[in-house]
Amino acid sequence: MKSLFLLLKAAKLGKVALSGGTMLLSMVTYAFVSGWRYAVGFVLLIFFHEMGHFVAARQRGLNVGAPTFIPFVGAWIQLKDIPHDVETEAYVGIAGPVAGTVASIACYYASESSDSRLLLALAYAGFMLNLFNLIPISPLDGGRITAVLSPRVWWVGTPILVGLFLWNPSPMLIFIAILAIPHLLSTMGRGQANALPQDYYRVSPQTRLSYGTYYLGLAAFLGVMTYQTHQMLGG
């Protein structure tokens, strides 16, 4: 029993070390590009976003791992339990952008009180990062949220993703597009959606209206704040 306890304790410490180690690695990597102050702030903004997902998943009784970071990709938390229904998936999905937006607002007001362009730049990065994540296509957060309306909404995110790539070609956008293909195919009766119970997407109209309102309100707010902070930084 003692040996088993030590193994379990070591496993937990290993998970913490993995999360903390990848977080530190991201900070060091970004520091070479943007300086260590910006790097620390940017990674912390990502951390707050991911912790929003983590706390929401725990609130819904889901087994979830600590955040893992990859430089220039972002971070994710591993859901070890499948959400019980699409409303749970939407709840966990929207919690990340909400937490990230709160952290970005804190940077914004701190920049005003201290007249810090660094904090303003971090606020802009946070607003833009969370707005990007709201693109309605799975596996982005926006896809998980809008699934409560209908998975077919993911097709709305496709031209947005294509437009972003044409405007600013990025390997990350190609990576997201590849991950999105199985999800898009599932809306046509093929792929992973068929493995879900038939009542997985069954929610009340009130629930759809609530999440639709939250989603559009958050996206509109982030759009305004992204534009405003971009202008304040001099375009």
Protein backbone atom coordinates (compact mmCIF):
# COMPACT_ATOMS: atom_id res chain seq x y z
CA MET A 1 0.00 0.00 0.00
CA LYS A 2 2.84 2.34 0.85
CA SER A 3 4.49 1.68 -2.51
CA LEU A 4 1.18 2.31 -4.31
CA PHE A 5 0.74 5.60 -2.44
CA LEU A 6 4.26 6.71 -3.42
CA LEU A 7 3.58 5.83 -7.07
CA LEU A 8 0.34 7.82 -7.09
CA LYS A 9 2.07 10.75 -5.43
CA ALA A 10 4.87 10.62 -7.98
CA ALA A 11 2.33 10.52 -10.83
CA LYS A 12 0.61 13.64 -9.50
CA LEU A 13 3.93 15.43 -9.11
CA GLY A 14 4.80 14.35 -12.64
CA LYS A 15 1.65 15.98 -14.01
CA VAL A 16 2.39 19.21 -12.13
CA ALA A 17 5.98 19.13 -13.40
CA LEU A 18 4.77 18.60 -16.98
CA SER A 19 2.35 21.50 -16.78
CA GLY A 20 4.82 23.82 -15.05
CA GLY A 21 7.69 22.73 -17.27
CA THR A 22 5.85 23.30 -20.54
CA MET A 23 4.60 26.64 -19.20
CA LEU A 24 8.18 27.71 -18.40
CA LEU A 25 9.38 26.46 -21.79
CA SER A 26 6.76 28.63 -23.51
CA MET A 27 7.84 31.68 -21.49
CA VAL A 28 11.49 31.15 -22.41
CA THR A 29 10.64 30.62 -26.09
CA TYR A 30 8.44 33.72 -26.33
CA ALA A 31 11.06 35.72 -24.42
CA PHE A 32 13.50 35.33 -27.34
CA VAL A 33 10.91 36.93 -29.63
CA SER A 34 9.19 39.57 -27.49
CA GLY A 35 11.19 39.97 -24.28
CA TRP A 36 10.65 38.19 -20.98
CA ARG A 37 8.09 40.63 -19.51
CA TYR A 38 5.73 40.24 -22.45
CA ALA A 39 6.41 36.49 -22.58
CA VAL A 40 5.46 35.98 -18.93
CA GLY A 41 2.30 38.07 -19.30
CA PHE A 42 1.23 36.36 -22.52
CA VAL A 43 1.67 32.84 -21.14
CA LEU A 44 -0.22 33.84 -17.98
CA LEU A 45 -3.12 35.04 -20.15
CA ILE A 46 -3.18 31.64 -21.84
CA PHE A 47 -3.01 30.01 -18.40
CA PHE A 48 -6.07 31.93 -17.17
CA HIS A 49 -7.94 30.91 -20.32
CA GLU A 50 -7.13 27.24 -19.79
CA MET A 51 -7.93 27.37 -16.09
CA GLY A 52 -11.38 28.61 -17.02
CA HIS A 53 -11.90 25.33 -18.89
CA PHE A 54 -10.31 23.38 -16.01
CA VAL A 55 -12.55 24.85 -13.29
CA ALA A 56 -15.71 24.50 -15.43
CA ALA A 57 -14.92 20.86 -16.17
CA ARG A 58 -14.39 20.13 -12.49
CA GLN A 59 -17.66 21.90 -11.65
CA ARG A 60 -19.46 19.50 -13.99
CA GLY A 61 -17.75 16.47 -12.42
CA LEU A 62 -15.44 15.73 -15.36
CA ASN A 63 -11.97 14.28 -14.89
CA VAL A 64 -9.55 16.76 -16.43
CA GLY A 65 -5.78 17.12 -16.62
CA ALA A 66 -3.65 20.18 -15.89
CA PRO A 67 -2.85 22.57 -18.78
CA THR A 68 -0.07 21.57 -21.19
CA PHE A 69 1.69 24.31 -23.18
CA ILE A 70 3.29 24.22 -26.62
CA PRO A 71 5.19 27.33 -27.80
CA PHE A 72 3.54 29.13 -30.76
CA VAL A 73 0.60 26.72 -30.58
CA GLY A 74 -0.98 27.58 -27.23
CA ALA A 75 -2.18 25.20 -24.56
CA TRP A 76 -4.90 22.71 -23.84
CA ILE A 77 -6.37 20.68 -21.03
CA GLN A 78 -7.10 17.01 -21.52
CA LEU A 79 -10.69 16.04 -20.83
CA LYS A 80 -10.43 12.46 -19.62
CA ASP A 81 -14.21 12.13 -19.42
CA ILE A 82 -16.56 12.77 -22.34
CA PRO A 83 -19.07 15.54 -21.51
CA HIS A 84 -22.49 14.15 -20.60
CA ASP A 85 -24.29 16.30 -23.17
CA VAL A 86 -23.75 19.20 -25.54
CA GLU A 87 -24.75 21.76 -22.87
CA THR A 88 -21.91 20.53 -20.64
CA GLU A 89 -19.53 20.77 -23.59
CA ALA A 90 -20.68 24.34 -24.28
CA TYR A 91 -20.35 25.26 -20.59
CA VAL A 92 -16.75 24.04 -20.45
CA GLY A 93 -16.05 25.62 -23.85
CA ILE A 94 -17.25 29.12 -23.02
CA ALA A 95 -15.55 29.19 -19.60
CA GLY A 96 -12.09 29.53 -21.20
CA PRO A 97 -12.82 32.68 -23.25
CA VAL A 98 -14.71 34.19 -20.30
CA ALA A 99 -11.77 33.67 -17.92
CA GLY A 100 -9.33 34.88 -20.58
CA THR A 101 -11.45 37.97 -21.22
CA VAL A 102 -11.53 38.83 -17.51
CA ALA A 103 -7.72 38.57 -17.37
CA SER A 104 -7.43 40.76 -20.48
CA ILE A 105 -9.75 43.38 -18.98
CA ALA A 106 -7.53 43.42 -15.87
CA CYS A 107 -4.51 44.14 -18.10
CA TYR A 108 -6.46 46.86 -19.91
CA TYR A 109 -7.43 48.78 -16.77
CA ALA A 110 -3.99 48.23 -15.23
CA SER A 111 -2.46 49.78 -18.36
CA GLU A 112 -4.68 52.84 -17.97
CA SER A 113 -3.78 53.38 -14.33
CA SER A 114 -0.05 52.83 -14.90
CA ASP A 115 0.20 54.23 -18.44
CA SER A 116 1.94 50.99 -19.46
CA ARG A 117 2.11 50.12 -23.16
CA LEU A 118 3.30 46.65 -22.19
CA LEU A 119 0.08 45.95 -20.30
CA LEU A 120 -1.93 47.49 -23.14
CA ALA A 121 -0.17 45.21 -25.62
CA LEU A 122 -0.96 42.23 -23.40
CA ALA A 123 -4.61 43.32 -23.19
CA TYR A 124 -4.74 43.48 -26.99
CA ALA A 125 -3.15 40.04 -27.30
CA GLY A 126 -5.62 38.62 -24.79
CA PHE A 127 -8.67 40.11 -26.48
CA MET A 128 -7.51 38.95 -29.91
CA LEU A 129 -6.58 35.46 -28.69
CA ASN A 130 -9.97 34.88 -27.07
CA LEU A 131 -11.81 36.36 -30.07
CA PHE A 132 -9.94 33.98 -32.38
CA ASN A 133 -10.94 31.06 -30.17
CA LEU A 134 -14.60 32.00 -30.64
CA ILE A 135 -14.53 31.20 -34.37
CA PRO A 136 -17.48 28.80 -34.67
CA ILE A 137 -15.61 25.73 -35.81
CA SER A 138 -14.55 22.70 -33.81
CA PRO A 139 -12.03 22.06 -32.23
CA LEU A 140 -11.87 25.76 -31.29
CA ASP A 141 -13.88 26.91 -28.27
CA GLY A 142 -16.39 28.60 -30.56
CA GLY A 143 -17.18 25.24 -32.14
CA ARG A 144 -17.81 23.64 -28.76
CA ILE A 145 -20.09 26.50 -27.74
CA THR A 146 -22.09 26.74 -30.96
CA ALA A 147 -22.59 22.96 -31.03
CA VAL A 148 -25.38 23.60 -28.51
CA LEU A 149 -27.18 25.48 -31.32
CA SER A 150 -26.34 22.98 -34.06
CA PRO A 151 -23.09 21.35 -35.26
CA ARG A 152 -23.94 22.68 -38.73
CA VAL A 153 -23.02 26.15 -37.44
CA TRP A 154 -19.39 24.97 -37.80
CA TRP A 155 -19.69 25.55 -41.53
CA VAL A 156 -20.03 29.28 -40.77
CA GLY A 157 -16.53 29.17 -39.30
CA THR A 158 -15.05 27.65 -42.46
CA PRO A 159 -15.01 30.82 -44.62
CA ILE A 160 -13.75 32.78 -41.60
CA LEU A 161 -10.81 30.42 -41.28
CA VAL A 162 -10.14 30.59 -45.02
CA GLY A 163 -10.36 34.39 -44.97
CA LEU A 164 -7.88 34.61 -42.11
CA PHE A 165 -5.47 32.37 -43.99
CA LEU A 166 -5.70 34.48 -47.15
CA TRP A 167 -5.16 37.63 -45.09
CA ASN A 168 -2.27 36.23 -43.05
CA PRO A 169 -1.08 32.74 -44.08
CA SER A 170 -0.11 30.72 -41.02
CA PRO A 171 0.78 27.06 -40.43
CA MET A 172 -1.39 27.21 -37.31
CA LEU A 173 -4.49 27.92 -39.42
CA ILE A 174 -3.67 24.92 -41.62
CA PHE A 175 -3.29 22.78 -38.49
CA ILE A 176 -6.69 23.91 -37.18
CA ALA A 177 -8.28 23.26 -40.57
CA ILE A 178 -6.94 19.69 -40.60
CA LEU A 179 -8.32 19.08 -37.11
CA ALA A 180 -11.67 20.55 -38.17
CA ILE A 181 -12.22 18.23 -41.13
CA PRO A 182 -13.52 15.22 -39.12
CA HIS A 183 -15.88 17.50 -37.20
CA LEU A 184 -17.25 19.02 -40.41
CA LEU A 185 -17.71 15.56 -41.93
CA SER A 186 -19.64 14.48 -38.85
CA THR A 187 -22.32 17.09 -39.62
CA MET A 188 -23.06 15.16 -42.81
CA GLY A 189 -23.68 11.91 -40.97
CA ARG A 190 -20.12 10.65 -41.12
CA GLY A 191 -17.36 10.58 -38.56
CA GLN A 192 -17.17 10.80 -34.80
CA ALA A 193 -20.60 12.33 -34.14
CA ASN A 194 -22.22 8.99 -34.96
CA ALA A 195 -20.59 7.49 -31.86
CA LEU A 196 -22.47 9.89 -29.57
CA PRO A 197 -25.86 9.02 -28.05
CA GLN A 198 -28.82 10.29 -30.04
CA ASP A 199 -29.94 12.58 -27.21
CA TYR A 200 -26.47 14.18 -26.80
CA TYR A 201 -27.57 17.27 -28.76
CA ARG A 202 -31.06 17.39 -27.24
CA VAL A 203 -31.43 20.69 -25.31
CA SER A 204 -34.28 23.09 -24.63
CA PRO A 205 -34.87 26.19 -26.80
CA GLN A 206 -34.17 28.32 -23.72
CA THR A 207 -30.72 26.73 -23.39
CA ARG A 208 -29.96 27.41 -27.05
CA LEU A 209 -31.13 31.00 -26.70
CA SER A 210 -29.03 31.55 -23.56
CA TYR A 211 -25.80 30.19 -25.03
CA GLY A 212 -26.41 31.95 -28.33
CA THR A 213 -26.83 35.25 -26.49
CA TYR A 214 -23.73 34.68 -24.34
CA TYR A 215 -21.69 33.72 -27.39
CA LEU A 216 -22.70 36.69 -29.54
CA GLY A 217 -22.35 39.12 -26.63
CA LEU A 218 -18.86 37.90 -25.77
CA ALA A 219 -17.77 37.90 -29.43
CA ALA A 220 -19.09 41.45 -29.92
CA PHE A 221 -17.35 42.70 -26.78
CA LEU A 222 -14.04 41.09 -27.74
CA GLY A 223 -14.34 42.47 -31.27
CA VAL A 224 -14.81 46.02 -29.96
CA MET A 225 -12.01 45.73 -27.40
CA THR A 226 -9.60 44.18 -29.92
CA TYR A 227 -10.21 47.08 -32.32
CA GLN A 228 -10.00 49.70 -29.55
CA THR A 229 -6.73 48.44 -28.05
CA HIS A 230 -5.27 48.05 -31.56
CA GLN A 231 -6.04 51.71 -32.25
CA MET A 232 -4.63 52.79 -28.89
CA LEU A 233 -1.39 51.01 -29.77
CA GLY A 234 -1.16 53.02 -32.94
CA GLY A 235 -2.73 50.61 -35.39
